[in-house]
Amino acid sequence: MLIPIKGLLSSEEAEKCRQALMQETWNDGRQTAGHVAINVKTNLQLSRDSQVAQQIGDLILDRLGAHPHFMSAVLPAKVLPPLFNRYESGGAYGNHVDNALLTLPNSSIKLRSDVSTTVFFSEPEQYEGGELVIQHSYGEERVKLAAGDAIVYPANSMHRVEPVTEGIRLAAFFWSQSLVASSEQRQMLYELDQNIQTLIMDHPESESIASLTHLYHNLLRHWSQT
């Protein structure tokens, strides 16, 4: 299940973030790659110690925490603070799967990476290439969104970033551990919730709203892990 989130940040906010990120000192992205990914990763990343990264990361999480589609699709239990990457001059990230278990910064707390999120800060016309390509059961999805938009997708998906041949691609990325580990169960809950919301909008007097809401919460009780 791929969920695009349009306009998470306004174009003005995204441009302000992009300009701030451009002024930062970037490090070789291979420093944070695993023993397999290091062979296919040629990008740059910001240090977690960057104040700019922390400020923009807080902004992203605040917006997503108030976004109904993100909360419904992800059902977050734990969220890793966003990281930031930069692709240019042929930089790419070949096919890989994200690590299943991650550690929250400055702690020993583990996080299971159920859901990945990417937030774009460069407009599509500002760079050539750089599509996020996500493989799923029906083939591949090529994602290149407007600055300020985000894409949410299962962290167990094989995915890659195509080479950026011109310009600079800036983005944030992070992982969430969901209350519901199964991507299939999360999808069913999300679709059920969206249909309930549509029913509330279109037929607020419908007696089905209560019974469907009852079903939703009982499924969530059955499938969630706290």
Protein backbone atom coordinates (compact mmCIF):
# COMPACT_ATOMS: atom_id res chain seq x y z
CA MET A 1 0.00 0.00 0.00
CA LEU A 2 1.49 3.28 -1.18
CA ILE A 3 -0.10 6.41 0.29
CA PRO A 4 0.85 9.80 -1.23
CA ILE A 5 0.36 12.75 1.11
CA LYS A 6 -0.02 15.91 -0.94
CA GLY A 7 0.88 19.29 0.51
CA LEU A 8 2.31 18.10 3.81
CA LEU A 9 4.37 21.28 3.60
CA SER A 10 3.42 24.26 1.47
CA SER A 11 5.65 25.05 -1.51
CA GLU A 12 6.97 28.07 0.39
CA GLU A 13 7.78 25.98 3.47
CA ALA A 14 9.45 23.31 1.36
CA GLU A 15 11.57 25.91 -0.44
CA LYS A 16 12.63 27.46 2.86
CA CYS A 17 13.64 24.01 4.12
CA ARG A 18 15.48 23.27 0.87
CA GLN A 19 17.51 26.46 1.12
CA ALA A 20 18.42 25.74 4.74
CA LEU A 21 19.46 22.17 3.88
CA MET A 22 21.61 23.37 0.98
CA GLN A 23 23.73 25.37 3.44
CA GLU A 24 24.54 22.34 5.60
CA THR A 25 27.64 20.15 5.50
CA TRP A 26 26.81 16.75 3.99
CA ASN A 27 28.54 13.43 4.68
CA ASP A 28 29.09 10.29 2.62
CA GLY A 29 25.85 8.31 2.86
CA ARG A 30 27.73 5.02 2.89
CA GLN A 31 28.69 5.74 6.51
CA THR A 32 25.19 4.65 7.57
CA ALA A 33 24.75 1.81 5.06
CA GLY A 34 24.68 -1.86 6.00
CA HIS A 35 27.16 -4.40 4.62
CA VAL A 36 24.94 -5.09 1.59
CA ALA A 37 23.59 -1.59 0.92
CA ILE A 38 27.05 -0.03 1.04
CA ASN A 39 27.74 -1.55 -2.38
CA VAL A 40 24.79 0.23 -4.06
CA LYS A 41 24.59 3.52 -2.12
CA THR A 42 26.19 6.69 -3.54
CA ASN A 43 24.42 9.60 -1.89
CA LEU A 44 25.05 12.17 0.84
CA GLN A 45 23.40 12.42 4.26
CA LEU A 46 23.17 14.96 7.06
CA SER A 47 24.40 14.13 10.53
CA ARG A 48 21.72 13.63 13.17
CA ASP A 49 23.55 16.35 15.12
CA SER A 50 22.56 18.99 12.56
CA GLN A 51 20.25 21.53 14.20
CA VAL A 52 18.66 22.27 10.84
CA ALA A 53 17.89 18.57 10.39
CA GLN A 54 16.38 18.37 13.87
CA GLN A 55 14.21 21.46 13.33
CA ILE A 56 12.89 20.32 9.96
CA GLY A 57 12.45 16.79 11.29
CA ASP A 58 10.31 18.10 14.15
CA LEU A 59 8.22 20.08 11.64
CA ILE A 60 7.64 16.97 9.53
CA LEU A 61 6.60 14.84 12.50
CA ASP A 62 4.29 17.54 13.84
CA ARG A 63 2.51 17.79 10.48
CA LEU A 64 2.24 14.03 10.00
CA GLY A 65 1.01 13.55 13.57
CA ALA A 66 -1.95 15.77 12.71
CA HIS A 67 -2.56 14.26 9.26
CA PRO A 68 -5.52 11.83 9.24
CA HIS A 69 -4.29 9.73 6.32
CA PHE A 70 -0.84 9.18 7.83
CA MET A 71 -2.25 8.28 11.24
CA SER A 72 -4.85 5.95 9.71
CA ALA A 73 -2.44 4.23 7.32
CA VAL A 74 0.54 3.89 9.67
CA LEU A 75 -1.02 3.58 13.15
CA PRO A 76 2.37 4.62 14.58
CA ALA A 77 3.64 3.24 17.88
CA LYS A 78 7.24 4.51 17.56
CA VAL A 79 8.78 6.86 15.02
CA LEU A 80 12.46 7.31 14.23
CA PRO A 81 13.48 10.98 13.81
CA PRO A 82 13.83 11.87 10.12
CA LEU A 83 17.13 11.66 8.29
CA PHE A 84 17.99 13.70 5.20
CA ASN A 85 19.67 12.68 1.94
CA ARG A 86 21.06 14.45 -1.10
CA TYR A 87 21.57 13.04 -4.59
CA GLU A 88 23.57 14.72 -7.36
CA SER A 89 26.22 14.04 -10.03
CA GLY A 90 24.99 10.52 -10.74
CA GLY A 91 24.26 9.66 -7.11
CA ALA A 92 21.87 6.75 -6.66
CA TYR A 93 20.78 4.02 -4.27
CA GLY A 94 20.36 0.62 -5.88
CA ASN A 95 17.80 -2.03 -5.00
CA HIS A 96 17.72 -2.69 -1.26
CA VAL A 97 15.43 -3.46 1.67
CA ASP A 98 15.64 -1.33 4.80
CA ASN A 99 16.93 -2.89 8.00
CA ALA A 100 14.17 -4.64 9.94
CA LEU A 101 15.34 -3.44 13.35
CA LEU A 102 16.65 0.03 14.16
CA THR A 103 17.70 1.78 17.36
CA LEU A 104 16.20 5.07 18.51
CA PRO A 105 18.93 7.75 18.83
CA ASN A 106 20.64 8.08 22.22
CA SER A 107 18.89 5.02 23.62
CA SER A 108 18.85 1.25 23.54
CA ILE A 109 15.21 1.13 22.46
CA LYS A 110 14.62 -0.94 19.35
CA LEU A 111 12.18 -0.06 16.61
CA ARG A 112 10.78 -2.49 14.03
CA SER A 113 10.68 -0.75 10.67
CA ASP A 114 7.16 -1.43 9.41
CA VAL A 115 6.55 1.71 7.35
CA SER A 116 8.88 3.99 5.40
CA THR A 117 8.14 7.64 4.64
CA THR A 118 9.92 9.98 2.21
CA VAL A 119 9.30 13.74 2.10
CA PHE A 120 10.47 15.63 -0.99
CA PHE A 121 12.12 19.08 -0.84
CA SER A 122 13.14 19.48 -4.51
CA GLU A 123 10.62 20.14 -7.25
CA PRO A 124 10.59 17.47 -10.00
CA GLU A 125 11.85 19.98 -12.59
CA GLN A 126 14.87 20.84 -10.43
CA TYR A 127 16.58 17.50 -11.15
CA GLU A 128 16.76 14.76 -13.75
CA GLY A 129 16.27 11.14 -12.67
CA GLY A 130 16.03 10.45 -8.96
CA GLU A 131 12.73 8.56 -9.02
CA LEU A 132 11.97 6.47 -5.95
CA VAL A 133 11.11 3.07 -7.43
CA ILE A 134 9.13 0.79 -5.13
CA GLN A 135 8.51 -2.85 -6.02
CA HIS A 136 5.25 -4.51 -5.03
CA SER A 137 3.15 -7.51 -5.99
CA TYR A 138 1.84 -5.79 -9.13
CA GLY A 139 5.17 -4.54 -10.45
CA GLU A 140 6.97 -1.25 -9.79
CA GLU A 141 5.77 2.21 -8.78
CA ARG A 142 7.94 5.18 -9.81
CA VAL A 143 7.55 8.11 -7.41
CA LYS A 144 8.71 11.68 -8.04
CA LEU A 145 6.52 14.11 -6.12
CA ALA A 146 6.33 17.86 -5.73
CA ALA A 147 8.31 19.59 -3.01
CA GLY A 148 6.38 19.35 0.26
CA ASP A 149 4.68 16.06 -0.68
CA ALA A 150 5.34 12.73 1.03
CA ILE A 151 5.00 9.06 0.14
CA VAL A 152 4.26 6.33 2.71
CA TYR A 153 4.99 2.69 1.84
CA PRO A 154 5.79 -0.69 3.48
CA ALA A 155 9.36 -0.84 4.76
CA ASN A 156 9.69 -4.45 3.63
CA SER A 157 9.44 -3.36 -0.02
CA MET A 158 12.43 -3.68 -2.31
CA HIS A 159 13.13 -0.15 -3.53
CA ARG A 160 15.77 2.10 -5.10
CA VAL A 161 16.52 5.69 -6.07
CA GLU A 162 17.44 6.14 -9.72
CA PRO A 163 20.64 8.09 -10.57
CA VAL A 164 20.31 11.87 -10.45
CA THR A 165 22.02 13.00 -13.63
CA GLU A 166 21.32 16.74 -13.36
CA GLY A 167 20.44 19.03 -10.47
CA ILE A 168 20.07 18.10 -6.80
CA ARG A 169 17.43 15.94 -5.13
CA LEU A 170 16.85 16.66 -1.42
CA ALA A 171 14.54 14.57 0.73
CA ALA A 172 13.83 13.42 4.26
CA PHE A 173 13.18 9.79 5.12
CA PHE A 174 12.30 7.87 8.26
CA TRP A 175 10.69 4.73 9.60
CA SER A 176 7.73 3.99 11.86
CA GLN A 177 6.87 0.97 13.93
CA SER A 178 3.15 0.38 13.61
CA LEU A 179 0.75 -0.87 16.24
CA VAL A 180 -0.18 -3.44 13.56
CA ALA A 181 2.85 -5.32 12.22
CA SER A 182 1.14 -6.88 9.18
CA SER A 183 1.04 -4.65 6.11
CA GLU A 184 -2.01 -6.58 4.85
CA GLN A 185 -3.91 -5.98 8.08
CA ARG A 186 -2.90 -2.30 8.09
CA GLN A 187 -4.23 -1.95 4.56
CA MET A 188 -7.58 -3.51 5.48
CA LEU A 189 -7.89 -1.22 8.52
CA TYR A 190 -6.98 1.83 6.45
CA GLU A 191 -9.50 1.02 3.73
CA LEU A 192 -12.20 0.33 6.31
CA ASP A 193 -11.46 3.60 8.10
CA GLN A 194 -11.54 5.60 4.85
CA ASN A 195 -14.89 4.08 3.91
CA ILE A 196 -16.27 4.93 7.35
CA GLN A 197 -15.11 8.54 6.94
CA THR A 198 -16.72 8.73 3.49
CA LEU A 199 -19.95 7.33 4.87
CA ILE A 200 -19.93 9.91 7.68
CA MET A 201 -19.51 12.70 5.13
CA ASP A 202 -22.07 11.44 2.61
CA HIS A 203 -24.68 9.82 4.88
CA PRO A 204 -24.17 11.04 8.46
CA GLU A 205 -27.51 9.57 9.52
CA SER A 206 -26.61 6.03 8.40
CA GLU A 207 -27.00 3.34 11.05
CA SER A 208 -24.11 1.46 9.43
CA ILE A 209 -21.59 3.97 10.80
CA ALA A 210 -21.82 2.62 14.34
CA SER A 211 -21.59 -1.04 13.31
CA LEU A 212 -18.64 -0.43 10.95
CA THR A 213 -16.85 1.62 13.63
CA HIS A 214 -17.49 -1.23 16.07
CA LEU A 215 -15.93 -3.66 13.58
CA TYR A 216 -12.93 -1.37 13.01
CA HIS A 217 -12.08 -1.07 16.69
CA ASN A 218 -12.54 -4.77 17.36
CA LEU A 219 -10.18 -5.61 14.50
CA LEU A 220 -7.69 -3.09 15.86
CA ARG A 221 -7.94 -4.70 19.31
CA HIS A 222 -7.33 -8.11 17.76
CA TRP A 223 -4.39 -7.12 15.56
CA SER A 224 -2.58 -4.39 17.47
CA GLN A 225 0.51 -4.87 19.63
CA THR A 226 1.24 -2.28 22.32
